[in-house]
Amino acid sequence: MDAWTYHFDAFMKRFYGIDHRDAGMDDAQLARYRDLSPEEAAKTFGEDYDLDRIDRRFW
């Protein structure tokens, strides 16, 4: 695993509680987000697939 993917997974876990494997992402899907920082890529992926963030409270 390269550094970008490692950090992307860390942000995915922080924001959504899953990593790229849990999300079913393959190398082609990861490549679509590599032009972004890992943090921005995780947020964008979550928005693209309408994922609920776990790091935000609802009250």
PDB file of N, CA and C in Angstrom:
ATOM      1  N   MET A   1       0.860  -1.181   0.000  1.00  0.00           N
ATOM      2  CA  MET A   1       0.000   0.000   0.000  1.00  0.00           C
ATOM      3  C   MET A   1       0.902   1.239   0.000  1.00  0.00           C
ATOM      4  N   ASP A   2       0.619   2.155  -0.880  1.00  0.00           N
ATOM      5  CA  ASP A   2       1.419   3.378  -0.940  1.00  0.00           C
ATOM      6  C   ASP A   2       0.938   4.396   0.099  1.00  0.00           C
ATOM      7  N   ALA A   3       1.701   5.463   0.261  1.00  0.00           N
ATOM      8  CA  ALA A   3       1.402   6.468   1.295  1.00  0.00           C
ATOM      9  C   ALA A   3       0.056   7.151   1.058  1.00  0.00           C
ATOM     10  N   TRP A   4      -0.253   7.464  -0.198  1.00  0.00           N
ATOM     11  CA  TRP A   4      -1.526   8.139  -0.479  1.00  0.00           C
ATOM     12  C   TRP A   4      -2.700   7.261  -0.050  1.00  0.00           C
ATOM     13  N   THR A   5      -2.670   5.982  -0.415  1.00  0.00           N
ATOM     14  CA  THR A   5      -3.758   5.068  -0.060  1.00  0.00           C
ATOM     15  C   THR A   5      -3.850   4.892   1.450  1.00  0.00           C
ATOM     16  N   TYR A   6      -2.703   4.803   2.114  1.00  0.00           N
ATOM     17  CA  TYR A   6      -2.682   4.686   3.574  1.00  0.00           C
ATOM     18  C   TYR A   6      -3.410   5.872   4.215  1.00  0.00           C
ATOM     19  N   HIS A   7      -3.099   7.073   3.775  1.00  0.00           N
ATOM     20  CA  HIS A   7      -3.724   8.273   4.342  1.00  0.00           C
ATOM     21  C   HIS A   7      -5.192   8.396   3.915  1.00  0.00           C
ATOM     22  N   PHE A   8      -5.494   8.017   2.690  1.00  0.00           N
ATOM     23  CA  PHE A   8      -6.886   7.995   2.234  1.00  0.00           C
ATOM     24  C   PHE A   8      -7.711   7.073   3.135  1.00  0.00           C
ATOM     25  N   ASP A   9      -7.199   5.875   3.404  1.00  0.00           N
ATOM     26  CA  ASP A   9      -7.903   4.939   4.289  1.00  0.00           C
ATOM     27  C   ASP A   9      -8.078   5.515   5.688  1.00  0.00           C
ATOM     28  N   ALA A  10      -7.059   6.208   6.189  1.00  0.00           N
ATOM     29  CA  ALA A  10      -7.161   6.810   7.524  1.00  0.00           C
ATOM     30  C   ALA A  10      -8.292   7.834   7.570  1.00  0.00           C
ATOM     31  N   PHE A  11      -8.407   8.663   6.550  1.00  0.00           N
ATOM     32  CA  PHE A  11      -9.500   9.643   6.512  1.00  0.00           C
ATOM     33  C   PHE A  11     -10.846   8.966   6.279  1.00  0.00           C
ATOM     34  N   MET A  12     -10.886   7.930   5.454  1.00  0.00           N
ATOM     35  CA  MET A  12     -12.138   7.192   5.254  1.00  0.00           C
ATOM     36  C   MET A  12     -12.628   6.604   6.576  1.00  0.00           C
ATOM     37  N   LYS A  13     -11.708   6.031   7.345  1.00  0.00           N
ATOM     38  CA  LYS A  13     -12.091   5.459   8.641  1.00  0.00           C
ATOM     39  C   LYS A  13     -12.553   6.546   9.598  1.00  0.00           C
ATOM     40  N   ARG A  14     -11.866   7.677   9.586  1.00  0.00           N
ATOM     41  CA  ARG A  14     -12.228   8.789  10.472  1.00  0.00           C
ATOM     42  C   ARG A  14     -13.602   9.362  10.123  1.00  0.00           C
ATOM     43  N   PHE A  15     -13.863   9.544   8.834  1.00  0.00           N
ATOM     44  CA  PHE A  15     -15.107  10.177   8.406  1.00  0.00           C
ATOM     45  C   PHE A  15     -16.280   9.199   8.293  1.00  0.00           C
ATOM     46  N   TYR A  16     -16.003   7.952   7.841  1.00  0.00           N
ATOM     47  CA  TYR A  16     -17.097   7.034   7.497  1.00  0.00           C
ATOM     48  C   TYR A  16     -17.021   5.667   8.181  1.00  0.00           C
ATOM     49  N   GLY A  17     -15.930   5.385   8.873  1.00  0.00           N
ATOM     50  CA  GLY A  17     -15.800   4.112   9.573  1.00  0.00           C
ATOM     51  C   GLY A  17     -15.459   2.930   8.676  1.00  0.00           C
ATOM     52  N   ILE A  18     -15.018   3.199   7.448  1.00  0.00           N
ATOM     53  CA  ILE A  18     -14.643   2.138   6.506  1.00  0.00           C
ATOM     54  C   ILE A  18     -13.357   2.532   5.797  1.00  0.00           C
ATOM     55  N   ASP A  19     -12.674   1.549   5.209  1.00  0.00           N
ATOM     56  CA  ASP A  19     -11.533   1.871   4.354  1.00  0.00           C
ATOM     57  C   ASP A  19     -11.907   1.562   2.900  1.00  0.00           C
ATOM     58  N   HIS A  20     -10.957   1.719   1.990  1.00  0.00           N
ATOM     59  CA  HIS A  20     -11.305   1.551   0.573  1.00  0.00           C
ATOM     60  C   HIS A  20     -11.709   0.117   0.248  1.00  0.00           C
ATOM     61  N   ARG A  21     -11.152  -0.854   0.958  1.00  0.00           N
ATOM     62  CA  ARG A  21     -11.545  -2.248   0.716  1.00  0.00           C
ATOM     63  C   ARG A  21     -12.983  -2.486   1.158  1.00  0.00           C
ATOM     64  N   ASP A  22     -13.332  -1.946   2.334  1.00  0.00           N
ATOM     65  CA  ASP A  22     -14.713  -2.079   2.819  1.00  0.00           C
ATOM     66  C   ASP A  22     -15.703  -1.442   1.842  1.00  0.00           C
ATOM     67  N   ALA A  23     -15.268  -0.361   1.205  1.00  0.00           N
ATOM     68  CA  ALA A  23     -16.127   0.350   0.252  1.00  0.00           C
ATOM     69  C   ALA A  23     -16.187  -0.348  -1.107  1.00  0.00           C
ATOM     70  N   GLY A  24     -15.369  -1.382  -1.285  1.00  0.00           N
ATOM     71  CA  GLY A  24     -15.369  -2.116  -2.549  1.00  0.00           C
ATOM     72  C   GLY A  24     -14.624  -1.418  -3.664  1.00  0.00           C
ATOM     73  N   MET A  25     -13.712  -0.515  -3.309  1.00  0.00           N
ATOM     74  CA  MET A  25     -12.973   0.228  -4.325  1.00  0.00           C
ATOM     75  C   MET A  25     -11.843  -0.619  -4.900  1.00  0.00           C
ATOM     76  N   ASP A  26     -11.691  -0.589  -6.218  1.00  0.00           N
ATOM     77  CA  ASP A  26     -10.554  -1.228  -6.864  1.00  0.00           C
ATOM     78  C   ASP A  26      -9.559  -0.141  -7.284  1.00  0.00           C
ATOM     79  N   ASP A  27      -8.473  -0.558  -7.921  1.00  0.00           N
ATOM     80  CA  ASP A  27      -7.436   0.403  -8.310  1.00  0.00           C
ATOM     81  C   ASP A  27      -7.955   1.463  -9.275  1.00  0.00           C
ATOM     82  N   ALA A  28      -8.850   1.081 -10.172  1.00  0.00           N
ATOM     83  CA  ALA A  28      -9.404   2.051 -11.128  1.00  0.00           C
ATOM     84  C   ALA A  28     -10.216   3.118 -10.408  1.00  0.00           C
ATOM     85  N   GLN A  29     -10.993   2.722  -9.413  1.00  0.00           N
ATOM     86  CA  GLN A  29     -11.779   3.701  -8.656  1.00  0.00           C
ATOM     87  C   GLN A  29     -10.873   4.594  -7.817  1.00  0.00           C
ATOM     88  N   LEU A  30      -9.851   4.022  -7.196  1.00  0.00           N
ATOM     89  CA  LEU A  30      -8.907   4.841  -6.433  1.00  0.00           C
ATOM     90  C   LEU A  30      -8.233   5.870  -7.333  1.00  0.00           C
ATOM     91  N   ALA A  31      -7.897   5.473  -8.543  1.00  0.00           N
ATOM     92  CA  ALA A  31      -7.196   6.366  -9.469  1.00  0.00           C
ATOM     93  C   ALA A  31      -8.009   7.615  -9.785  1.00  0.00           C
ATOM     94  N   ARG A  32      -9.325   7.516  -9.736  1.00  0.00           N
ATOM     95  CA  ARG A  32     -10.179   8.677 -10.026  1.00  0.00           C
ATOM     96  C   ARG A  32     -10.026   9.789  -8.998  1.00  0.00           C
ATOM     97  N   TYR A  33      -9.540   9.453  -7.812  1.00  0.00           N
ATOM     98  CA  TYR A  33      -9.449  10.422  -6.724  1.00  0.00           C
ATOM     99  C   TYR A  33      -8.010  10.834  -6.412  1.00  0.00           C
ATOM    100  N   ARG A  34      -7.023  10.242  -7.066  1.00  0.00           N
ATOM    101  CA  ARG A  34      -5.615  10.481  -6.730  1.00  0.00           C
ATOM    102  C   ARG A  34      -5.127  11.894  -7.012  1.00  0.00           C
ATOM    103  N   ASP A  35      -5.832  12.648  -7.801  1.00  0.00           N
ATOM    104  CA  ASP A  35      -5.404  14.024  -8.050  1.00  0.00           C
ATOM    105  C   ASP A  35      -5.745  14.934  -6.877  1.00  0.00           C
ATOM    106  N   LEU A  36      -6.508  14.420  -5.918  1.00  0.00           N
ATOM    107  CA  LEU A  36      -6.877  15.167  -4.709  1.00  0.00           C
ATOM    108  C   LEU A  36      -5.998  14.730  -3.547  1.00  0.00           C
ATOM    109  N   SER A  37      -5.946  15.551  -2.516  1.00  0.00           N
ATOM    110  CA  SER A  37      -5.267  15.118  -1.295  1.00  0.00           C
ATOM    111  C   SER A  37      -6.062  13.954  -0.712  1.00  0.00           C
ATOM    112  N   PRO A  38      -5.444  13.094   0.097  1.00  0.00           N
ATOM    113  CA  PRO A  38      -6.187  11.973   0.682  1.00  0.00           C
ATOM    114  C   PRO A  38      -7.424  12.415   1.466  1.00  0.00           C
ATOM    115  N   GLU A  39      -7.313  13.519   2.201  1.00  0.00           N
ATOM    116  CA  GLU A  39      -8.464  14.010   2.966  1.00  0.00           C
ATOM    117  C   GLU A  39      -9.590  14.453   2.040  1.00  0.00           C
ATOM    118  N   GLU A  40      -9.251  15.252   1.042  1.00  0.00           N
ATOM    119  CA  GLU A  40     -10.265  15.739   0.100  1.00  0.00           C
ATOM    120  C   GLU A  40     -10.847  14.584  -0.717  1.00  0.00           C
ATOM    121  N   ALA A  41     -10.015  13.616  -1.054  1.00  0.00           N
ATOM    122  CA  ALA A  41     -10.497  12.453  -1.800  1.00  0.00           C
ATOM    123  C   ALA A  41     -11.508  11.656  -0.986  1.00  0.00           C
ATOM    124  N   ALA A  42     -11.241  11.465   0.297  1.00  0.00           N
ATOM    125  CA  ALA A  42     -12.179  10.730   1.154  1.00  0.00           C
ATOM    126  C   ALA A  42     -13.508  11.472   1.254  1.00  0.00           C
ATOM    127  N   LYS A  43     -13.446  12.778   1.442  1.00  0.00           N
ATOM    128  CA  LYS A  43     -14.676  13.572   1.518  1.00  0.00           C
ATOM    129  C   LYS A  43     -15.448  13.515   0.203  1.00  0.00           C
ATOM    130  N   THR A  44     -14.737  13.643  -0.905  1.00  0.00           N
ATOM    131  CA  THR A  44     -15.380  13.621  -2.213  1.00  0.00           C
ATOM    132  C   THR A  44     -15.998  12.258  -2.498  1.00  0.00           C
ATOM    133  N   PHE A  45     -15.283  11.190  -2.165  1.00  0.00           N
ATOM    134  CA  PHE A  45     -15.840   9.851  -2.350  1.00  0.00           C
ATOM    135  C   PHE A  45     -17.124   9.697  -1.537  1.00  0.00           C
ATOM    136  N   GLY A  46     -17.091  10.133  -0.297  1.00  0.00           N
ATOM    137  CA  GLY A  46     -18.278  10.051   0.549  1.00  0.00           C
ATOM    138  C   GLY A  46     -19.451  10.826  -0.017  1.00  0.00           C
ATOM    139  N   GLU A  47     -19.175  12.002  -0.559  1.00  0.00           N
ATOM    140  CA  GLU A  47     -20.238  12.798  -1.177  1.00  0.00           C
ATOM    141  C   GLU A  47     -20.753  12.130  -2.453  1.00  0.00           C
ATOM    142  N   ASP A  48     -19.830  11.579  -3.246  1.00  0.00           N
ATOM    143  CA  ASP A  48     -20.224  10.915  -4.493  1.00  0.00           C
ATOM    144  C   ASP A  48     -21.159   9.736  -4.237  1.00  0.00           C
ATOM    145  N   TYR A  49     -20.949   9.041  -3.134  1.00  0.00           N
ATOM    146  CA  TYR A  49     -21.735   7.841  -2.831  1.00  0.00           C
ATOM    147  C   TYR A  49     -22.681   8.046  -1.650  1.00  0.00           C
ATOM    148  N   ASP A  50     -22.905   9.302  -1.284  1.00  0.00           N
ATOM    149  CA  ASP A  50     -23.887   9.659  -0.260  1.00  0.00           C
ATOM    150  C   ASP A  50     -23.682   8.904   1.054  1.00  0.00           C
ATOM    151  N   LEU A  51     -22.438   8.846   1.512  1.00  0.00           N
ATOM    152  CA  LEU A  51     -22.130   8.183   2.777  1.00  0.00           C
ATOM    153  C   LEU A  51     -22.392   9.137   3.939  1.00  0.00           C
ATOM    154  N   ASP A  52     -22.847   8.604   5.040  1.00  0.00           N
ATOM    155  CA  ASP A  52     -23.059   9.396   6.250  1.00  0.00           C
ATOM    156  C   ASP A  52     -21.767   9.468   7.042  1.00  0.00           C
ATOM    157  N   ARG A  53     -21.387  10.665   7.435  1.00  0.00           N
ATOM    158  CA  ARG A  53     -20.170  10.841   8.222  1.00  0.00           C
ATOM    159  C   ARG A  53     -20.419  10.479   9.674  1.00  0.00           C
ATOM    160  N   ILE A  54     -19.440   9.790  10.264  1.00  0.00           N
ATOM    161  CA  ILE A  54     -19.567   9.394  11.663  1.00  0.00           C
ATOM    162  C   ILE A  54     -18.877  10.377  12.596  1.00  0.00           C
ATOM    163  N   ASP A  55     -18.162  11.339  12.039  1.00  0.00           N
ATOM    164  CA  ASP A  55     -17.429  12.290  12.872  1.00  0.00           C
ATOM    165  C   ASP A  55     -18.232  13.553  13.169  1.00  0.00           C
ATOM    166  N   ARG A  56     -19.481  13.567  12.782  1.00  0.00           N
ATOM    167  CA  ARG A  56     -20.344  14.729  13.042  1.00  0.00           C
ATOM    168  C   ARG A  56     -21.498  14.318  13.934  1.00  0.00           C
ATOM    169  N   ARG A  57     -21.803  15.168  14.851  1.00  0.00           N
ATOM    170  CA  ARG A  57     -22.944  14.901  15.737  1.00  0.00           C
ATOM    171  C   ARG A  57     -24.191  15.532  15.130  1.00  0.00           C
ATOM    172  N   PHE A  58     -25.328  14.944  15.428  1.00  0.00           N
ATOM    173  CA  PHE A  58     -26.575  15.392  14.820  1.00  0.00           C
ATOM    174  C   PHE A  58     -27.411  16.287  15.722  1.00  0.00           C
ATOM    175  N   TRP A  59     -26.848  16.798  16.804  1.00  0.00           N
ATOM    176  CA  TRP A  59     -27.649  17.676  17.652  1.00  0.00           C
ATOM    177  C   TRP A  59     -27.073  19.043  17.751  1.00  0.00           C
TER     178      TRP A  59
END
